C-alpha atoms as a PDB file:
ATOM      1  CA  MET A   1     118.647 113.502 102.574  1.00  0.00           C
ATOM      2  CA  LYS A   2     118.407 109.728 102.413  1.00  0.00           C
ATOM      3  CA  ILE A   3     115.159 108.700 100.711  1.00  0.00           C
ATOM      4  CA  LEU A   4     113.786 105.171 100.852  1.00  0.00           C
ATOM      5  CA  PHE A   5     111.162 104.343  98.230  1.00  0.00           C
ATOM      6  CA  ILE A   6     109.070 101.155  98.376  1.00  0.00           C
ATOM      7  CA  THR A   7     107.456 100.028  95.131  1.00  0.00           C
ATOM      8  CA  ASP A   8     106.386  96.657  93.776  1.00  0.00           C
ATOM      9  CA  ASN A   9     107.400  97.679  90.241  1.00  0.00           C
ATOM     10  CA  PHE A  10     110.641  99.199  89.029  1.00  0.00           C
ATOM     11  CA  TYR A  11     112.939  99.352  86.003  1.00  0.00           C
ATOM     12  CA  PRO A  12     113.450  97.348  83.789  1.00  0.00           C
ATOM     13  CA  GLU A  13     109.683  96.912  84.023  1.00  0.00           C
ATOM     14  CA  VAL A  14     107.961  99.541  81.890  1.00  0.00           C
ATOM     15  CA  ASN A  15     104.545  99.967  83.468  1.00  0.00           C
ATOM     16  CA  ALA A  16     103.540 103.318  84.948  1.00  0.00           C
ATOM     17  CA  PRO A  17     104.727 102.774  88.577  1.00  0.00           C
ATOM     18  CA  ALA A  18     108.114 101.482  87.413  1.00  0.00           C
ATOM     19  CA  THR A  19     108.760 104.309  84.974  1.00  0.00           C
ATOM     20  CA  ARG A  20     107.429 107.016  87.285  1.00  0.00           C
ATOM     21  CA  THR A  21     109.533 105.906  90.245  1.00  0.00           C
ATOM     22  CA  LEU A  22     112.668 105.699  88.110  1.00  0.00           C
ATOM     23  CA  GLU A  23     112.171 109.252  86.840  1.00  0.00           C
ATOM     24  CA  HIS A  24     111.421 110.585  90.333  1.00  0.00           C
ATOM     25  CA  ALA A  25     114.534 108.941  91.758  1.00  0.00           C
ATOM     26  CA  LYS A  26     116.716 110.334  88.965  1.00  0.00           C
ATOM     27  CA  GLU A  27     115.435 113.847  89.681  1.00  0.00           C
ATOM     28  CA  TRP A  28     116.099 113.503  93.414  1.00  0.00           C
ATOM     29  CA  ILE A  29     119.619 112.240  92.785  1.00  0.00           C
ATOM     30  CA  ALA A  30     120.238 115.176  90.445  1.00  0.00           C
ATOM     31  CA  LYS A  31     119.312 117.441  93.359  1.00  0.00           C
ATOM     32  CA  GLY A  32     121.890 115.746  95.586  1.00  0.00           C
ATOM     33  CA  GLU A  33     119.669 113.305  97.482  1.00  0.00           C
ATOM     34  CA  GLU A  34     120.556 109.666  98.193  1.00  0.00           C
ATOM     35  CA  VAL A  35     117.876 107.254  96.965  1.00  0.00           C
ATOM     36  CA  THR A  36     117.316 103.598  97.801  1.00  0.00           C
ATOM     37  CA  VAL A  37     114.478 101.660  96.160  1.00  0.00           C
ATOM     38  CA  ILE A  38     113.125  98.427  97.576  1.00  0.00           C
ATOM     39  CA  THR A  39     111.375  96.351  94.942  1.00  0.00           C
ATOM     40  CA  THR A  40     111.189  92.771  93.732  1.00  0.00           C
ATOM     41  CA  ALA A  41     112.586  90.836  90.779  1.00  0.00           C
ATOM     42  CA  PRO A  42     111.160  92.328  87.559  1.00  0.00           C
ATOM     43  CA  ASN A  43     108.283  90.152  86.350  1.00  0.00           C
ATOM     44  CA  PHE A  44     105.350  92.376  85.323  1.00  0.00           C
ATOM     45  CA  PRO A  45     102.904  91.647  83.701  1.00  0.00           C
ATOM     46  CA  HIS A  46     103.260  87.910  83.019  1.00  0.00           C
ATOM     47  CA  GLY A  47     104.663  86.855  86.380  1.00  0.00           C
ATOM     48  CA  LYS A  48     107.863  85.561  84.826  1.00  0.00           C
ATOM     49  CA  VAL A  49     111.184  86.848  86.121  1.00  0.00           C
ATOM     50  CA  TYR A  50     113.108  88.768  83.460  1.00  0.00           C
ATOM     51  CA  LYS A  51     116.239  87.287  81.938  1.00  0.00           C
ATOM     52  CA  GLY A  52     119.309  88.041  84.033  1.00  0.00           C
ATOM     53  CA  TYR A  53     117.356  88.202  87.305  1.00  0.00           C
ATOM     54  CA  LYS A  54     116.310  85.667  89.946  1.00  0.00           C
ATOM     55  CA  ASN A  55     113.659  85.740  92.637  1.00  0.00           C
ATOM     56  CA  LYS A  56     116.258  85.699  95.418  1.00  0.00           C
ATOM     57  CA  LEU A  57     116.019  86.513  99.110  1.00  0.00           C
ATOM     58  CA  TYR A  58     118.046  89.721  98.749  1.00  0.00           C
ATOM     59  CA  GLN A  59     120.038  91.249  95.914  1.00  0.00           C
ATOM     60  CA  VAL A  60     121.457  94.709  95.213  1.00  0.00           C
ATOM     61  CA  GLU A  61     122.173  96.582  91.998  1.00  0.00           C
ATOM     62  CA  TYR A  62     122.747 100.221  91.042  1.00  0.00           C
ATOM     63  CA  ILE A  63     120.731 101.869  88.272  1.00  0.00           C
ATOM     64  CA  GLU A  64     121.643 105.442  87.282  1.00  0.00           C
ATOM     65  CA  GLY A  65     122.915 106.174  90.779  1.00  0.00           C
ATOM     66  CA  ILE A  66     119.921 104.569  92.511  1.00  0.00           C
ATOM     67  CA  LYS A  67     120.586 101.768  94.978  1.00  0.00           C
ATOM     68  CA  VAL A  68     118.032  99.085  94.096  1.00  0.00           C
ATOM     69  CA  ILE A  69     117.351  96.338  96.606  1.00  0.00           C
ATOM     70  CA  ARG A  70     115.341  93.435  95.230  1.00  0.00           C
ATOM     71  CA  VAL A  71     113.686  91.141  97.759  1.00  0.00           C
ATOM     72  CA  ILE A  72     111.985  87.785  97.424  1.00  0.00           C
ATOM     73  CA  SER A  73     108.218  87.571  96.961  1.00  0.00           C
ATOM     74  CA  TYR A  74     105.516  85.267  95.692  1.00  0.00           C
ATOM     75  CA  ILE A  75     105.407  86.060  91.970  1.00  0.00           C
ATOM     76  CA  THR A  76     102.369  85.563  89.801  1.00  0.00           C
ATOM     77  CA  ALA A  77     100.869  86.970  86.597  1.00  0.00           C
ATOM     78  CA  ASN A  78      98.832  90.163  86.802  1.00  0.00           C
ATOM     79  CA  LYS A  79      95.525  88.304  86.936  1.00  0.00           C
ATOM     80  CA  GLY A  80      93.564  86.397  89.539  1.00  0.00           C
ATOM     81  CA  PHE A  81      92.547  88.257  92.677  1.00  0.00           C
ATOM     82  CA  VAL A  82      93.752  85.822  95.358  1.00  0.00           C
ATOM     83  CA  LYS A  83      97.146  85.176  93.769  1.00  0.00           C
ATOM     84  CA  ARG A  84      97.776  88.886  93.296  1.00  0.00           C
ATOM     85  CA  ILE A  85      96.931  89.580  96.945  1.00  0.00           C
ATOM     86  CA  LEU A  86      99.440  86.902  97.972  1.00  0.00           C
ATOM     87  CA  ASP A  87     101.975  88.535  95.661  1.00  0.00           C
ATOM     88  CA  TYR A  88     101.359  91.964  97.178  1.00  0.00           C
ATOM     89  CA  LEU A  89     101.412  90.783 100.794  1.00  0.00           C
ATOM     90  CA  SER A  90     104.587  88.741 100.367  1.00  0.00           C
ATOM     91  CA  PHE A  91     106.388  91.721  98.847  1.00  0.00           C
ATOM     92  CA  ALA A  92     105.176  94.061 101.599  1.00  0.00           C
ATOM     93  CA  PHE A  93     106.492  91.679 104.253  1.00  0.00           C
ATOM     94  CA  SER A  94     109.881  91.231 102.545  1.00  0.00           C
ATOM     95  CA  ALA A  95     110.182  94.987 101.932  1.00  0.00           C
ATOM     96  CA  PHE A  96     109.411  95.716 105.583  1.00  0.00           C
ATOM     97  CA  ILE A  97     112.114  93.323 106.793  1.00  0.00           C
ATOM     98  CA  ALA A  98     114.688  94.724 104.352  1.00  0.00           C
ATOM     99  CA  ALA A  99     113.840  98.327 105.295  1.00  0.00           C
ATOM    100  CA  LEU A 100     114.680  97.639 108.933  1.00  0.00           C
ATOM    101  CA  PHE A 101     118.357  97.388 107.970  1.00  0.00           C
ATOM    102  CA  ILE A 102     118.484 100.576 105.889  1.00  0.00           C
ATOM    103  CA  LYS A 103     119.367 104.047 107.123  1.00  0.00           C
ATOM    104  CA  PHE A 104     116.970 106.682 105.788  1.00  0.00           C
ATOM    105  CA  ASP A 105     115.502 110.064 106.666  1.00  0.00           C
ATOM    106  CA  LEU A 106     112.212 109.641 104.817  1.00  0.00           C
ATOM    107  CA  VAL A 107     110.303 106.649 103.462  1.00  0.00           C
ATOM    108  CA  ILE A 108     107.833 106.840 100.569  1.00  0.00           C
ATOM    109  CA  ALA A 109     105.416 104.131  99.461  1.00  0.00           C
ATOM    110  CA  THR A 110     103.371 104.217  96.279  1.00  0.00           C
ATOM    111  CA  SER A 111      99.851 102.825  95.969  1.00  0.00           C
ATOM    112  CA  PRO A 112      98.854 100.833  94.025  1.00  0.00           C
ATOM    113  CA  GLN A 113      99.617  98.381  95.218  1.00  0.00           C
ATOM    114  CA  PHE A 114      98.132  99.236  98.596  1.00  0.00           C
ATOM    115  CA  PHE A 115     100.220  96.951 100.804  1.00  0.00           C
ATOM    116  CA  THR A 116     103.467  98.794 100.106  1.00  0.00           C
ATOM    117  CA  THR A 117     102.092 101.530 102.367  1.00  0.00           C
ATOM    118  CA  TRP A 118     101.733  99.006 105.186  1.00  0.00           C
ATOM    119  CA  ALA A 119     105.464  98.315 104.960  1.00  0.00           C
ATOM    120  CA  ALA A 120     106.276 102.037 104.986  1.00  0.00           C
ATOM    121  CA  TYR A 121     103.967 102.649 107.940  1.00  0.00           C
ATOM    122  CA  GLY A 122     105.506  99.820 109.948  1.00  0.00           C
ATOM    123  CA  VAL A 123     109.131 100.717 109.357  1.00  0.00           C
ATOM    124  CA  SER A 124     108.456 104.425 109.951  1.00  0.00           C
ATOM    125  CA  LYS A 125     107.155 103.598 113.431  1.00  0.00           C
ATOM    126  CA  ILE A 126     110.125 101.432 114.324  1.00  0.00           C
ATOM    127  CA  LYS A 127     112.685 103.858 112.885  1.00  0.00           C
ATOM    128  CA  ARG A 128     110.759 106.940 114.044  1.00  0.00           C
ATOM    129  CA  LYS A 129     110.990 108.568 110.630  1.00  0.00           C
ATOM    130  CA  PRO A 130     108.302 110.352 108.586  1.00  0.00           C
ATOM    131  CA  TRP A 131     106.599 108.592 105.699  1.00  0.00           C
ATOM    132  CA  ILE A 132     104.782 109.752 102.582  1.00  0.00           C
ATOM    133  CA  PHE A 133     101.763 108.052 101.012  1.00  0.00           C
ATOM    134  CA  GLU A 134     101.944 108.446  97.220  1.00  0.00           C
ATOM    135  CA  LEU A 135      98.334 107.930  96.154  1.00  0.00           C
ATOM    136  CA  ARG A 136      97.930 106.796  92.555  1.00  0.00           C
ATOM    137  CA  ASP A 137      94.657 104.898  92.976  1.00  0.00           C
ATOM    138  CA  LEU A 138      91.941 104.675  95.620  1.00  0.00           C
ATOM    139  CA  TRP A 139      92.115 101.203  97.081  1.00  0.00           C
ATOM    140  CA  PRO A 140      90.058  99.248  98.139  1.00  0.00           C
ATOM    141  CA  GLU A 141      87.453 101.424  96.409  1.00  0.00           C
ATOM    142  CA  SER A 142      88.871 100.470  93.023  1.00  0.00           C
ATOM    143  CA  ILE A 143      88.393  96.740  93.608  1.00  0.00           C
ATOM    144  CA  LYS A 144      84.748  97.381  94.481  1.00  0.00           C
ATOM    145  CA  SER A 145      84.340  99.441  91.327  1.00  0.00           C
ATOM    146  CA  VAL A 146      85.543  96.630  89.060  1.00  0.00           C
ATOM    147  CA  GLY A 147      83.516  94.004  90.920  1.00  0.00           C
ATOM    148  CA  ALA A 148      86.521  92.066  92.202  1.00  0.00           C
ATOM    149  CA  MET A 149      85.007  92.025  95.712  1.00  0.00           C
ATOM    150  CA  GLU A 150      81.568  92.738  97.080  1.00  0.00           C
ATOM    151  CA  ASP A 151      81.028  95.273  99.827  1.00  0.00           C
ATOM    152  CA  GLY A 152      81.192  93.491 103.160  1.00  0.00           C
ATOM    153  CA  PHE A 153      83.218  92.982 106.323  1.00  0.00           C
ATOM    154  CA  VAL A 154      86.581  92.592 104.550  1.00  0.00           C
ATOM    155  CA  ILE A 155      86.097  95.728 102.442  1.00  0.00           C
ATOM    156  CA  ARG A 156      84.993  97.755 105.471  1.00  0.00           C
ATOM    157  CA  LEU A 157      88.008  96.538 107.434  1.00  0.00           C
ATOM    158  CA  LEU A 158      90.364  97.469 104.599  1.00  0.00           C
ATOM    159  CA  GLU A 159      88.740 100.897 104.336  1.00  0.00           C
ATOM    160  CA  LYS A 160      89.345 101.491 108.054  1.00  0.00           C
ATOM    161  CA  ILE A 161      92.984 100.530 107.588  1.00  0.00           C
ATOM    162  CA  GLU A 162      93.155 102.790 104.523  1.00  0.00           C
ATOM    163  CA  LEU A 163      91.839 105.787 106.473  1.00  0.00           C
ATOM    164  CA  GLY A 164      94.200 105.046 109.329  1.00  0.00           C
ATOM    165  CA  LEU A 165      97.157 105.098 106.952  1.00  0.00           C
ATOM    166  CA  TYR A 166      96.035 108.402 105.426  1.00  0.00           C
ATOM    167  CA  LYS A 167      95.734 109.935 108.882  1.00  0.00           C
ATOM    168  CA  ASP A 168      99.112 108.619 110.019  1.00  0.00           C
ATOM    169  CA  ALA A 169     101.128 109.609 106.949  1.00  0.00           C
ATOM    170  CA  SER A 170     103.211 112.760 107.287  1.00  0.00           C
ATOM    171  CA  LYS A 171     102.191 113.753 103.771  1.00  0.00           C
ATOM    172  CA  ILE A 172      99.907 112.453 101.024  1.00  0.00           C
ATOM    173  CA  ILE A 173     100.745 113.048  97.374  1.00  0.00           C
ATOM    174  CA  ALA A 174      97.611 112.553  95.262  1.00  0.00           C
ATOM    175  CA  VAL A 175      97.687 112.336  91.479  1.00  0.00           C
ATOM    176  CA  THR A 176      94.309 114.043  90.909  1.00  0.00           C
ATOM    177  CA  ASP A 177      92.187 116.762  92.527  1.00  0.00           C
ATOM    178  CA  SER A 178      89.294 114.287  92.762  1.00  0.00           C
ATOM    179  CA  PHE A 179      91.409 111.980  94.957  1.00  0.00           C
ATOM    180  CA  LYS A 180      92.102 114.870  97.310  1.00  0.00           C
ATOM    181  CA  GLU A 181      88.406 115.784  97.403  1.00  0.00           C
ATOM    182  CA  ASN A 182      87.536 112.161  98.201  1.00  0.00           C
ATOM    183  CA  LEU A 183      89.954 112.069 101.133  1.00  0.00           C
ATOM    184  CA  VAL A 184      88.866 115.448 102.520  1.00  0.00           C
ATOM    185  CA  LYS A 185      85.216 114.342 102.452  1.00  0.00           C
ATOM    186  CA  ARG A 186      86.269 111.296 104.488  1.00  0.00           C
ATOM    187  CA  GLY A 187      87.888 113.413 107.186  1.00  0.00           C
ATOM    188  CA  ILE A 188      91.515 113.664 106.065  1.00  0.00           C
ATOM    189  CA  ASP A 189      93.188 117.030 106.714  1.00  0.00           C
ATOM    190  CA  ALA A 190      93.387 118.908 103.406  1.00  0.00           C
ATOM    191  CA  ASN A 191      96.593 120.646 104.488  1.00  0.00           C
ATOM    192  CA  LYS A 192      98.557 117.394 104.444  1.00  0.00           C
ATOM    193  CA  ILE A 193      97.465 116.515 100.886  1.00  0.00           C
ATOM    194  CA  SER A 194      99.293 117.856  97.835  1.00  0.00           C
ATOM    195  CA  VAL A 195      98.176 117.177  94.275  1.00  0.00           C
ATOM    196  CA  VAL A 196     100.930 116.420  91.777  1.00  0.00           C
ATOM    197  CA  THR A 197      99.421 115.405  88.460  1.00  0.00           C
ATOM    198  CA  ASN A 198     101.097 113.168  85.912  1.00  0.00           C
ATOM    199  CA  GLY A 199     103.409 114.947  83.507  1.00  0.00           C
ATOM    200  CA  ALA A 200     105.929 114.366  80.763  1.00  0.00           C
ATOM    201  CA  ASN A 201     109.652 114.905  80.407  1.00  0.00           C
ATOM    202  CA  LEU A 202     109.700 117.643  77.785  1.00  0.00           C
ATOM    203  CA  GLY A 203     113.394 117.004  77.224  1.00  0.00           C
ATOM    204  CA  LEU A 204     112.402 113.853  75.352  1.00  0.00           C
ATOM    205  CA  PHE A 205     110.331 115.737  72.796  1.00  0.00           C
ATOM    206  CA  LYS A 206     110.971 118.507  70.278  1.00  0.00           C
ATOM    207  CA  PRO A 207     108.837 120.095  67.559  1.00  0.00           C
ATOM    208  CA  LYS A 208     109.412 119.105  63.937  1.00  0.00           C
ATOM    209  CA  GLU A 209     108.911 121.135  60.806  1.00  0.00           C
ATOM    210  CA  LYS A 210     105.602 120.649  59.057  1.00  0.00           C
ATOM    211  CA  ASP A 211     105.498 117.974  56.399  1.00  0.00           C
ATOM    212  CA  LEU A 212     104.069 120.171  53.632  1.00  0.00           C
ATOM    213  CA  GLU A 213     103.636 117.261  51.227  1.00  0.00           C
ATOM    214  CA  LEU A 214     101.530 115.364  53.765  1.00  0.00           C
ATOM    215  CA  LEU A 215      99.591 118.518  54.674  1.00  0.00           C
ATOM    216  CA  ASN A 216      98.773 119.233  51.007  1.00  0.00           C
ATOM    217  CA  ARG A 217      97.710 115.631  50.511  1.00  0.00           C
ATOM    218  CA  VAL A 218      95.296 115.851  53.455  1.00  0.00           C
ATOM    219  CA  ILE A 219      93.855 119.129  52.168  1.00  0.00           C
ATOM    220  CA  CYS A 220      93.392 117.668  48.680  1.00  0.00           C
ATOM    221  CA  ASN A 221      91.658 114.594  50.074  1.00  0.00           C
ATOM    222  CA  LYS A 222      89.263 116.778  52.093  1.00  0.00           C
ATOM    223  CA  GLU A 223      88.445 118.895  49.029  1.00  0.00           C
ATOM    224  CA  ALA A 224      87.876 115.786  46.933  1.00  0.00           C
ATOM    225  CA  ALA A 225      85.487 114.391  49.536  1.00  0.00           C
END
């Protein structure tokens, strides 16, 4: 299967979306799938392009077997509501255009940020391929919660678009049970929602023998207290 994944953040960035998508793609490749990631030049969180990269129209590299396509976008620091929206929208537009020229069987978009799902929705319609909404945060509800925008016409419009995307997606992968409950209460079919919680790669960790000296020191300190 040829999987197309759209994400604003990817390795060598080290925030949660970048790391999570890298690990997912590595697992899919290990299972024999072909994975292409559309992202932008690494710049998170300061809005400065990492050394060795440029904010170019289109560039390709391969990372651990993953074809990574980096497209141009308006880049800004992770602060300031208006500038971040411009950042998100510009990436979604560039990702949509790039995706039109890629052969895939399935497209996945991760949210946040929310506008990546717009790109996936659009290209899925043109290519007539299924798409998956990976739900990592409820947006625009989250921007209301932090007071970035007041409830009003714009928020209500975005919520209608949000619900439309949920209904259109072939599958929704939610990170928590509460997200699934929220969507079901709002009329989304529970059968199309799967909950896959965050986890850890246990291969990176192994138990160590107890440090008896440290343990005795702690016990002595407790007794002395």
